[in-house]
């Protein structure tokens, strides 16, 4: 599970960036990335962005920490997760430097981002809602990558002292949590859980659940000196012995429970192939009449929605699925283009505002003296000039207004495509539910239906593999 913490930087950005970019902590600086800045120029780039905002606000930057359980993922995966968190949270508007530290038993990311927005010069608002947004994004990325996410609210709001303390003693506790979680999944009873934990090498004491027993269960791994108690302050609310027993019971019920969907209609087609209908002509005649009524009702309802058959619904669902998939891919491509363009726009603004210092430096009778008087402005202009040239742009011909106009159009296109994706996805989901309810209504075999759907999905994947470039470039 990823734990996040954020605090403001009010003093020196350079000192904070130097700390997170320590080569001993970052695999000789291999695990360092940045956007719209670099570790060497972050202080100057942040200063430029901040110069366009309210000077009364003391926050220069923010330091976001994202920490993972030991062994939860590799250092490269952790770095990618951190970059994805920064991109989703900041949406390409704030410059940032990210590093992944591997000097502790748990891998953790450090993200330092400018408090000022590069596009509209707005300050990042740090509050409870923005912190929970960070948590939600981090959890969403974890879910997408198959990492553990706990939904218990108590685990989402640790104080810094609790978080820091937990960080220092994370090794034993984290491994214990992982072993407890794994044993819960494999157990059918609380007693079986205790046996599995013992089989993993743990000593266990005070495991009995009763009014006279000790309140907290204790675990000790081989080679561990102190016992770890199963209480909220030590492991969390999910690891008390009572809660462990409840989780085993809940997992068992969930695993055995068949989630049968309720039919859309209170009636179902009557199966007249059974023996009682063969022996009762009158009963069969009645059933046929009822089935005709229900069939007419079904046709009328489907016609009202513009469908003549289940096959028509299937084709529409397939069409909506393709539409949603294409719109989603296009949205992702536009997001990537937005990020790249905003980075270009950031450096174009820097050069546009600071190039007068370069011109004055070239015309100066004493360039060294002029440089000593304006080092910040010159370095900012030279750095922006180099980056624009490396992107194949002529710094003297780049129009900031044209880039701003193009960027705003790109944002509008992205928002429209995203709205199209969400609309198609919602319609597809709603129509799929309606179709499934109709199938239950007419009594079609769910397993056979699932098999057909699986075949369709495989065919779609084959088409995508056959024409990968075409799928990616479709508008």
Protein backbone atom coordinates (compact mmCIF):
# COMPACT_ATOMS: atom_id res chain seq x y z
CA UNK A 1 0.00 0.00 0.00
CA UNK A 2 1.31 3.47 -0.92
CA UNK A 3 1.33 6.06 1.88
CA UNK A 4 1.53 9.74 0.95
CA UNK A 5 2.55 12.86 2.86
CA UNK A 6 2.93 16.47 1.70
CA UNK A 7 4.36 19.63 3.23
CA UNK A 8 5.19 23.12 1.98
CA UNK A 9 8.71 24.44 1.30
CA UNK A 10 9.05 28.03 2.48
CA UNK A 11 12.84 28.48 2.65
CA UNK A 12 15.17 27.12 -0.05
CA UNK A 13 14.12 25.02 -3.01
CA UNK A 14 17.69 24.19 -4.00
CA UNK A 15 18.49 22.51 -0.64
CA UNK A 16 15.37 20.34 -0.87
CA UNK A 17 16.13 19.34 -4.48
CA UNK A 18 19.76 18.55 -3.60
CA UNK A 19 18.55 16.28 -0.80
CA UNK A 20 16.12 14.25 -2.91
CA UNK A 21 18.68 13.95 -5.76
CA UNK A 22 21.42 12.44 -3.56
CA UNK A 23 23.17 9.88 -5.80
CA UNK A 24 23.59 7.39 -2.95
CA UNK A 25 19.82 7.31 -2.42
CA UNK A 26 18.81 7.31 -6.11
CA UNK A 27 20.93 4.51 -7.61
CA UNK A 28 23.62 6.96 -8.76
CA UNK A 29 20.96 9.43 -9.99
CA UNK A 30 19.37 6.92 -12.37
CA UNK A 31 16.03 7.28 -10.58
CA UNK A 32 15.56 11.02 -11.14
CA UNK A 33 13.13 12.66 -13.58
CA UNK A 34 11.70 16.13 -14.07
CA UNK A 35 9.12 18.12 -16.00
CA UNK A 36 9.46 21.72 -17.26
CA UNK A 37 12.67 22.06 -15.20
CA UNK A 38 15.75 20.10 -14.14
CA UNK A 39 17.38 19.41 -10.75
CA UNK A 40 20.10 21.94 -11.61
CA UNK A 41 17.72 24.76 -12.64
CA UNK A 42 14.68 24.05 -10.42
CA UNK A 43 15.32 26.97 -8.05
CA UNK A 44 15.52 29.46 -10.93
CA UNK A 45 12.58 27.96 -12.85
CA UNK A 46 10.40 27.98 -9.72
CA UNK A 47 11.45 31.56 -8.97
CA UNK A 48 10.38 32.65 -12.47
CA UNK A 49 6.95 31.02 -12.12
CA UNK A 50 6.51 32.45 -8.61
CA UNK A 51 7.35 35.97 -9.82
CA UNK A 52 3.99 36.05 -11.63
CA UNK A 53 1.96 35.17 -8.53
CA UNK A 54 0.98 36.74 -5.20
CA UNK A 55 4.20 37.59 -3.35
CA UNK A 56 2.41 37.44 0.03
CA UNK A 57 2.05 33.67 -0.14
CA UNK A 58 5.25 32.26 1.48
CA UNK A 59 5.04 28.79 -0.11
CA UNK A 60 7.72 28.31 -2.78
CA UNK A 61 7.11 24.63 -3.50
CA UNK A 62 5.63 21.45 -2.09
CA UNK A 63 7.38 18.23 -1.11
CA UNK A 64 5.24 15.16 -1.72
CA UNK A 65 6.41 11.77 -0.39
CA UNK A 66 4.97 8.47 -1.62
CA UNK A 67 6.14 5.39 0.29
CA UNK A 68 5.59 1.70 -0.51
CA UNK A 69 5.60 -1.56 1.44
CA UNK A 70 8.91 -3.49 1.30
CA UNK A 71 8.96 -5.79 -1.71
CA UNK A 72 5.72 -4.33 -3.07
CA UNK A 73 7.30 -3.30 -6.40
CA UNK A 74 10.67 -2.73 -8.06
CA UNK A 75 12.55 0.58 -7.96
CA UNK A 76 11.78 1.18 -11.65
CA UNK A 77 8.07 0.48 -11.12
CA UNK A 78 8.01 2.78 -8.08
CA UNK A 79 9.58 5.57 -10.14
CA UNK A 80 6.96 5.16 -12.88
CA UNK A 81 4.17 5.20 -10.28
CA UNK A 82 5.59 8.43 -8.85
CA UNK A 83 5.75 10.11 -12.26
CA UNK A 84 2.18 9.03 -12.99
CA UNK A 85 1.03 10.46 -9.65
CA UNK A 86 2.76 13.78 -10.41
CA UNK A 87 1.30 13.95 -13.92
CA UNK A 88 -2.26 13.13 -12.87
CA UNK A 89 -2.19 15.45 -9.88
CA UNK A 90 -0.48 18.45 -11.50
CA UNK A 91 -1.87 17.94 -15.04
CA UNK A 92 1.26 19.37 -16.64
CA UNK A 93 0.73 22.81 -15.06
CA UNK A 94 3.47 22.76 -12.40
CA UNK A 95 7.19 22.10 -12.90
CA UNK A 96 8.48 19.21 -10.79
CA UNK A 97 11.49 17.07 -9.92
CA UNK A 98 10.95 13.47 -8.81
CA UNK A 99 13.43 11.00 -7.33
CA UNK A 100 13.06 7.45 -6.05
CA UNK A 101 15.05 6.58 -2.92
CA UNK A 102 16.22 3.01 -2.40
CA UNK A 103 18.44 3.52 0.65
CA UNK A 104 15.81 2.16 3.10
CA UNK A 105 14.06 -1.20 3.32
CA UNK A 106 11.01 0.43 1.71
CA UNK A 107 11.19 2.24 -1.63
CA UNK A 108 9.78 5.77 -1.60
CA UNK A 109 9.33 8.66 -4.04
CA UNK A 110 10.09 12.33 -3.41
CA UNK A 111 8.27 14.83 -5.63
CA UNK A 112 9.10 18.53 -5.32
CA UNK A 113 6.82 20.71 -7.43
CA UNK A 114 6.57 24.46 -7.86
CA UNK A 115 3.77 26.11 -5.91
CA UNK A 116 2.99 28.27 -8.96
CA UNK A 117 1.09 27.14 -12.04
CA UNK A 118 3.10 27.73 -15.25
CA UNK A 119 0.00 28.35 -17.35
CA UNK A 120 -2.29 30.69 -15.40
CA UNK A 121 0.14 31.65 -12.59
CA UNK A 122 -2.16 30.28 -9.87
CA UNK A 123 -0.88 28.88 -6.59
CA UNK A 124 -1.45 25.27 -5.56
CA UNK A 125 -3.99 25.19 -2.73
CA UNK A 126 -2.89 22.74 -0.05
CA UNK A 127 -5.83 21.69 2.13
CA UNK A 128 -7.70 18.58 3.30
CA UNK A 129 -9.55 18.14 0.02
CA UNK A 130 -6.34 18.45 -2.03
CA UNK A 131 -4.64 15.91 0.25
CA UNK A 132 -7.50 13.45 -0.22
CA UNK A 133 -7.23 14.04 -3.95
CA UNK A 134 -3.59 12.94 -3.73
CA UNK A 135 -4.66 9.85 -1.78
CA UNK A 136 -7.39 9.02 -4.30
CA UNK A 137 -5.04 9.34 -7.28
CA UNK A 138 -2.33 7.30 -5.56
CA UNK A 139 -4.85 4.60 -4.62
CA UNK A 140 -6.29 4.54 -8.15
CA UNK A 141 -2.83 4.03 -9.66
CA UNK A 142 -2.17 1.28 -7.09
CA UNK A 143 -5.41 -0.49 -8.02
CA UNK A 144 -4.59 -0.29 -11.72
CA UNK A 145 -1.22 -1.93 -11.03
CA UNK A 146 -2.64 -4.62 -8.74
CA UNK A 147 -1.12 -3.22 -5.53
CA UNK A 148 -2.79 -3.46 -2.11
CA UNK A 149 -5.15 -0.60 -1.21
CA UNK A 150 -6.89 -0.43 2.17
CA UNK A 151 -10.22 1.37 2.23
CA UNK A 152 -10.22 1.88 6.01
CA UNK A 153 -10.43 5.67 6.55
CA UNK A 154 -8.21 5.46 9.65
CA UNK A 155 -5.30 4.39 7.49
CA UNK A 156 -5.77 7.44 5.25
CA UNK A 157 -5.10 10.17 7.81
CA UNK A 158 -1.97 9.38 9.82
CA UNK A 159 -0.14 12.18 11.59
CA UNK A 160 3.43 12.82 10.43
CA UNK A 161 4.81 11.42 13.70
CA UNK A 162 2.84 8.20 13.25
CA UNK A 163 3.88 7.96 9.60
CA UNK A 164 7.56 8.60 10.38
CA UNK A 165 7.54 6.11 13.24
CA UNK A 166 5.85 3.52 11.07
CA UNK A 167 8.41 4.17 8.33
CA UNK A 168 11.37 3.39 10.63
CA UNK A 169 9.91 0.10 11.88
CA UNK A 170 8.21 -0.87 8.66
CA UNK A 171 10.20 -4.00 7.83
CA UNK A 172 8.87 -6.41 10.49
CA UNK A 173 5.37 -4.94 10.54
CA UNK A 174 5.01 -4.81 6.77
CA UNK A 175 6.06 -8.43 6.36
CA UNK A 176 3.69 -9.43 9.16
CA UNK A 177 0.82 -7.59 7.49
CA UNK A 178 1.54 -9.29 4.17
CA UNK A 179 1.65 -12.71 5.84
CA UNK A 180 -1.57 -12.03 7.75
CA UNK A 181 -3.34 -10.89 4.57
CA UNK A 182 -2.14 -13.96 2.66
CA UNK A 183 -3.16 -16.34 5.47
CA UNK A 184 -6.63 -14.77 5.72
CA UNK A 185 -7.19 -15.44 2.01
CA UNK A 186 -6.13 -19.08 2.40
CA UNK A 187 -8.07 -19.80 5.60
CA UNK A 188 -11.64 -20.98 6.15
CA UNK A 189 -11.57 -20.60 9.94
CA UNK A 190 -9.73 -18.53 12.53
CA UNK A 191 -8.04 -21.68 13.84
CA UNK A 192 -6.81 -22.53 10.34
CA UNK A 193 -5.42 -18.99 10.09
CA UNK A 194 -3.41 -19.49 13.30
CA UNK A 195 -2.02 -22.77 11.97
CA UNK A 196 -0.94 -21.13 8.71
CA UNK A 197 0.80 -18.31 10.57
CA UNK A 198 2.65 -20.83 12.72
CA UNK A 199 3.62 -22.72 9.57
CA UNK A 200 5.18 -19.48 8.28
CA UNK A 201 7.42 -19.52 11.38
CA UNK A 202 5.59 -17.06 13.63
CA UNK A 203 5.26 -17.49 17.38
CA UNK A 204 1.75 -16.55 18.51
CA UNK A 205 0.42 -15.70 21.95
CA UNK A 206 -2.92 -14.53 23.37
CA UNK A 207 -4.79 -15.70 20.28
CA UNK A 208 -7.96 -16.81 22.10
CA UNK A 209 -11.06 -14.68 21.48
CA UNK A 210 -13.06 -14.42 24.70
CA UNK A 211 -13.96 -11.97 27.46
CA UNK A 212 -11.35 -13.43 29.82
CA UNK A 213 -8.51 -13.62 27.26
CA UNK A 214 -5.81 -10.99 26.76
CA UNK A 215 -7.10 -8.15 24.63
CA UNK A 216 -4.43 -8.25 21.88
CA UNK A 217 -2.91 -11.13 19.94
CA UNK A 218 0.90 -11.15 19.67
CA UNK A 219 3.16 -12.22 16.76
CA UNK A 220 6.93 -12.72 16.66
CA UNK A 221 8.85 -13.77 13.55
CA UNK A 222 12.04 -15.88 13.62
CA UNK A 223 14.97 -13.65 14.61
CA UNK A 224 12.70 -10.89 15.93
CA UNK A 225 13.29 -9.78 19.52
CA UNK A 226 10.07 -7.96 20.37
CA UNK A 227 6.50 -9.08 19.99
CA UNK A 228 4.19 -7.14 17.67
CA UNK A 229 0.71 -6.72 19.06
CA UNK A 230 -2.37 -6.90 16.85
CA UNK A 231 -3.82 -3.55 17.89
CA UNK A 232 -4.75 -0.37 16.07
CA UNK A 233 -1.67 1.60 17.14
CA UNK A 234 0.73 -1.16 16.09
CA UNK A 235 -0.68 -2.66 12.90
CA UNK A 236 -3.98 -0.92 12.28
CA UNK A 237 -7.64 -1.61 12.92
CA UNK A 238 -7.72 -4.40 10.33
CA UNK A 239 -5.28 -6.59 12.32
CA UNK A 240 -6.89 -7.11 15.72
CA UNK A 241 -7.78 -10.75 16.35
CA UNK A 242 -11.50 -9.96 16.30
CA UNK A 243 -11.15 -8.16 12.98
CA UNK A 244 -9.02 -10.98 11.52
CA UNK A 245 -11.77 -13.46 12.39
CA UNK A 246 -14.38 -11.16 10.81
CA UNK A 247 -12.28 -10.78 7.64
CA UNK A 248 -11.96 -14.57 7.31
CA UNK A 249 -15.74 -14.96 7.69
CA UNK A 250 -16.44 -12.14 5.25
CA UNK A 251 -13.99 -13.53 2.66
CA UNK A 252 -15.59 -16.94 3.01
CA UNK A 253 -19.10 -15.54 2.50
CA UNK A 254 -17.98 -13.45 -0.46
CA UNK A 255 -16.22 -16.37 -2.05
CA UNK A 256 -19.19 -18.73 -1.71
CA UNK A 257 -21.85 -16.23 -2.59
CA UNK A 258 -23.17 -16.30 -6.15
CA UNK A 259 -24.06 -12.81 -7.27
CA UNK A 260 -27.12 -13.56 -9.33
CA UNK A 261 -28.59 -10.58 -11.07
CA UNK A 262 -32.23 -9.85 -10.52
CA UNK A 263 -34.33 -10.13 -13.69
CA UNK A 264 -35.43 -6.91 -15.25
CA UNK A 265 -39.01 -8.22 -15.40
CA UNK A 266 -40.99 -9.99 -12.69
CA UNK A 267 -42.02 -12.60 -15.25
CA UNK A 268 -39.98 -15.16 -17.18
CA UNK A 269 -40.57 -17.26 -20.23
CA UNK A 270 -42.19 -20.55 -19.21
CA UNK A 271 -40.27 -23.66 -20.23
CA UNK A 272 -42.89 -25.95 -21.81
CA UNK A 273 -40.43 -28.79 -22.52
CA UNK A 274 -40.86 -30.38 -19.08
CA UNK A 275 -42.85 -33.54 -18.46
CA UNK A 276 -45.81 -31.85 -16.76
CA UNK A 277 -46.60 -29.87 -19.94
CA UNK A 278 -46.34 -33.01 -22.11
CA UNK A 279 -48.93 -34.74 -19.93
CA UNK A 280 -51.22 -31.69 -19.74
CA UNK A 281 -52.32 -30.24 -23.13
CA UNK A 282 -54.45 -27.61 -21.40
CA UNK A 283 -51.55 -26.50 -19.25
CA UNK A 284 -49.29 -26.26 -22.30
CA UNK A 285 -51.86 -24.21 -24.18
CA UNK A 286 -52.05 -21.79 -21.26
CA UNK A 287 -48.25 -21.54 -21.06
CA UNK A 288 -47.91 -20.89 -24.80
CA UNK A 289 -50.48 -18.10 -24.51
CA UNK A 290 -48.58 -16.51 -21.61
CA UNK A 291 -45.30 -16.79 -23.48
CA UNK A 292 -46.83 -15.04 -26.50
CA UNK A 293 -47.97 -12.18 -24.25
CA UNK A 294 -44.53 -11.85 -22.72
CA UNK A 295 -42.85 -12.04 -26.13
CA UNK A 296 -45.08 -9.27 -27.45
CA UNK A 297 -44.28 -7.16 -24.38
CA UNK A 298 -40.57 -7.77 -24.94
CA UNK A 299 -40.74 -6.81 -28.64
CA UNK A 300 -42.68 -3.65 -27.82
CA UNK A 301 -40.16 -2.58 -25.20
CA UNK A 302 -37.18 -3.30 -27.43
CA UNK A 303 -38.83 -1.45 -30.34
CA UNK A 304 -39.29 1.53 -28.07
CA UNK A 305 -35.51 1.55 -27.57
CA UNK A 306 -34.88 1.14 -31.30
CA UNK A 307 -33.99 -2.57 -31.29
CA UNK A 308 -35.59 -5.52 -33.08
CA UNK A 309 -33.60 -8.31 -31.44
CA UNK A 310 -30.95 -9.18 -28.86
CA UNK A 311 -28.47 -9.26 -31.74
CA UNK A 312 -29.21 -5.59 -32.47
CA UNK A 313 -28.45 -4.78 -28.83
CA UNK A 314 -25.21 -6.77 -29.01
CA UNK A 315 -24.12 -4.86 -32.10
CA UNK A 316 -24.89 -1.54 -30.44
CA UNK A 317 -22.94 -2.54 -27.32
CA UNK A 318 -20.01 -3.58 -29.50
CA UNK A 319 -20.17 -0.25 -31.36
CA UNK A 320 -20.27 1.75 -28.10
CA UNK A 321 -17.37 -0.29 -26.71
CA UNK A 322 -15.23 0.52 -29.76
CA UNK A 323 -16.27 4.17 -29.60
CA UNK A 324 -15.34 4.40 -25.90
CA UNK A 325 -12.01 2.62 -26.46
CA UNK A 326 -11.06 4.91 -29.35
CA UNK A 327 -12.06 8.05 -27.42
CA UNK A 328 -10.09 6.86 -24.39
CA UNK A 329 -6.95 6.30 -26.47
CA UNK A 330 -7.37 9.68 -28.16
CA UNK A 331 -7.78 11.35 -24.75
CA UNK A 332 -4.55 9.73 -23.52
CA UNK A 333 -2.72 10.91 -26.66
CA UNK A 334 -4.04 14.46 -26.22
CA UNK A 335 -3.00 14.44 -22.55
CA UNK A 336 0.52 13.53 -23.62
CA UNK A 337 0.52 16.27 -26.27
CA UNK A 338 -0.82 18.80 -23.73
CA UNK A 339 1.99 18.03 -21.32
CA UNK A 340 4.64 18.41 -24.03
CA UNK A 341 3.15 21.65 -25.36
CA UNK A 342 2.86 23.22 -21.92
CA UNK A 343 6.53 22.45 -21.28
CA UNK A 344 7.41 24.20 -24.55
CA UNK A 345 5.15 27.11 -23.62
CA UNK A 346 6.86 27.43 -20.23
CA UNK A 347 10.30 27.82 -21.81
CA UNK A 348 8.96 30.09 -24.58
CA UNK A 349 7.63 32.45 -21.90
CA UNK A 350 10.92 32.38 -20.05
CA UNK A 351 12.91 33.24 -23.15
CA UNK A 352 10.40 35.88 -24.28
CA UNK A 353 10.70 37.73 -20.96
CA UNK A 354 14.45 37.30 -20.43
CA UNK A 355 15.97 37.55 -23.91
CA UNK A 356 16.49 41.31 -23.45
CA UNK A 357 19.22 40.42 -20.94
CA UNK A 358 20.98 38.24 -23.52
CA UNK A 359 20.89 41.06 -26.07
CA UNK A 360 22.16 43.57 -23.50
CA UNK A 361 24.91 41.13 -22.47
CA UNK A 362 26.09 40.82 -26.09
CA UNK A 363 26.13 44.61 -26.53
CA UNK A 364 27.73 45.32 -23.16
CA UNK A 365 31.17 46.92 -23.11
CA UNK A 366 31.99 44.79 -20.04
CA UNK A 367 30.16 41.42 -20.42
CA UNK A 368 31.67 39.96 -17.24
CA UNK A 369 30.42 42.85 -15.15
CA UNK A 370 26.97 42.65 -16.76
CA UNK A 371 26.87 38.89 -16.08
CA UNK A 372 27.69 39.40 -12.39
CA UNK A 373 24.80 41.87 -12.18
CA UNK A 374 22.23 39.61 -13.91
CA UNK A 375 23.23 35.90 -13.47
CA UNK A 376 19.66 34.68 -12.73
CA UNK A 377 18.09 36.36 -15.79
CA UNK A 378 20.86 35.28 -18.15
CA UNK A 379 20.88 31.65 -17.01
CA UNK A 380 17.11 31.50 -17.34
CA UNK A 381 17.26 32.87 -20.90
CA UNK A 382 20.16 30.67 -21.97
CA UNK A 383 18.56 27.54 -20.51
CA UNK A 384 15.22 28.23 -22.21
CA UNK A 385 17.01 28.99 -25.49
CA UNK A 386 18.88 25.67 -25.42
CA UNK A 387 15.72 23.67 -24.69
CA UNK A 388 13.71 25.36 -27.45
CA UNK A 389 16.52 24.72 -29.93
CA UNK A 390 16.76 21.07 -28.86
CA UNK A 391 13.03 20.80 -29.64
CA UNK A 392 13.70 22.05 -33.18
CA UNK A 393 12.30 25.54 -32.57
CA UNK A 394 13.81 28.92 -33.31
CA UNK A 395 13.61 30.85 -30.01
CA UNK A 396 13.42 34.18 -31.86
CA UNK A 397 10.44 33.08 -33.96
CA UNK A 398 8.40 31.25 -31.32
CA UNK A 399 5.16 33.12 -30.59
CA UNK A 400 3.96 32.81 -27.00
CA UNK A 401 0.46 34.00 -27.96
CA UNK A 402 0.22 31.45 -30.77
CA UNK A 403 1.33 28.66 -28.40
CA UNK A 404 -1.20 29.79 -25.77
CA UNK A 405 -3.99 29.78 -28.35
CA UNK A 406 -2.97 26.34 -29.61
CA UNK A 407 -2.74 25.00 -26.07
CA UNK A 408 -6.23 26.25 -25.16
CA UNK A 409 -7.64 24.65 -28.32
CA UNK A 410 -5.89 21.42 -27.42
CA UNK A 411 -7.43 21.56 -23.92
CA UNK A 412 -10.90 22.03 -25.42
CA UNK A 413 -10.37 19.13 -27.84
CA UNK A 414 -9.18 16.94 -24.98
CA UNK A 415 -12.18 17.82 -22.79
CA UNK A 416 -14.59 17.12 -25.68
CA UNK A 417 -12.97 13.76 -26.41
CA UNK A 418 -12.99 12.82 -22.73
CA UNK A 419 -16.70 13.72 -22.51
CA UNK A 420 -17.33 11.53 -25.56
CA UNK A 421 -15.45 8.67 -23.91
CA UNK A 422 -17.40 8.94 -20.62
CA UNK A 423 -20.73 9.20 -22.47
CA UNK A 424 -20.03 6.14 -24.64
CA UNK A 425 -18.77 4.21 -21.61
CA UNK A 426 -21.90 5.06 -19.59
CA UNK A 427 -24.24 4.15 -22.47
CA UNK A 428 -22.37 0.89 -23.04
CA UNK A 429 -22.60 -0.01 -19.34
CA UNK A 430 -26.30 0.85 -19.14
CA UNK A 431 -27.17 -1.06 -22.32
CA UNK A 432 -25.13 -4.06 -21.18
CA UNK A 433 -27.14 -4.17 -17.93
CA UNK A 434 -30.39 -3.94 -19.90
CA UNK A 435 -29.26 -6.74 -22.25
CA UNK A 436 -28.23 -8.97 -19.34
CA UNK A 437 -31.58 -8.44 -17.65
CA UNK A 438 -33.38 -9.38 -20.87
CA UNK A 439 -31.30 -12.55 -21.13
CA UNK A 440 -32.35 -13.52 -17.61
CA UNK A 441 -35.93 -12.66 -18.56
CA UNK A 442 -35.98 -14.97 -21.57
CA UNK A 443 -34.00 -17.65 -19.77
CA UNK A 444 -30.86 -17.84 -21.92
CA UNK A 445 -27.97 -19.88 -20.51
CA UNK A 446 -25.57 -17.38 -18.85
CA UNK A 447 -22.52 -19.66 -19.31
CA UNK A 448 -23.15 -20.01 -23.03
CA UNK A 449 -23.63 -16.30 -23.30
CA UNK A 450 -20.39 -15.62 -21.43
CA UNK A 451 -18.55 -17.96 -23.78
CA UNK A 452 -19.81 -16.02 -26.81
CA UNK A 453 -18.78 -12.72 -25.25
CA UNK A 454 -15.31 -14.08 -24.53
CA UNK A 455 -14.94 -15.14 -28.16
CA UNK A 456 -15.96 -11.64 -29.28
CA UNK A 457 -13.42 -10.05 -26.95
CA UNK A 458 -10.66 -12.34 -28.26
CA UNK A 459 -11.58 -11.45 -31.83
CA UNK A 460 -11.38 -7.76 -30.99
CA UNK A 461 -7.91 -8.28 -29.49
CA UNK A 462 -6.80 -10.15 -32.62
CA UNK A 463 -7.97 -7.27 -34.79
CA UNK A 464 -6.07 -4.80 -32.61
CA UNK A 465 -2.90 -6.93 -32.80
CA UNK A 466 -3.31 -7.29 -36.57
CA UNK A 467 -3.64 -3.54 -37.15
CA UNK A 468 -1.98 -1.91 -34.11
CA UNK A 469 -1.00 1.36 -35.81
CA UNK A 470 -4.44 1.78 -37.33
CA UNK A 471 -6.07 1.35 -33.92
CA UNK A 472 -3.77 3.94 -32.34
CA UNK A 473 -4.23 6.55 -35.04
CA UNK A 474 -7.96 6.35 -35.60
CA UNK A 475 -9.61 9.73 -34.87
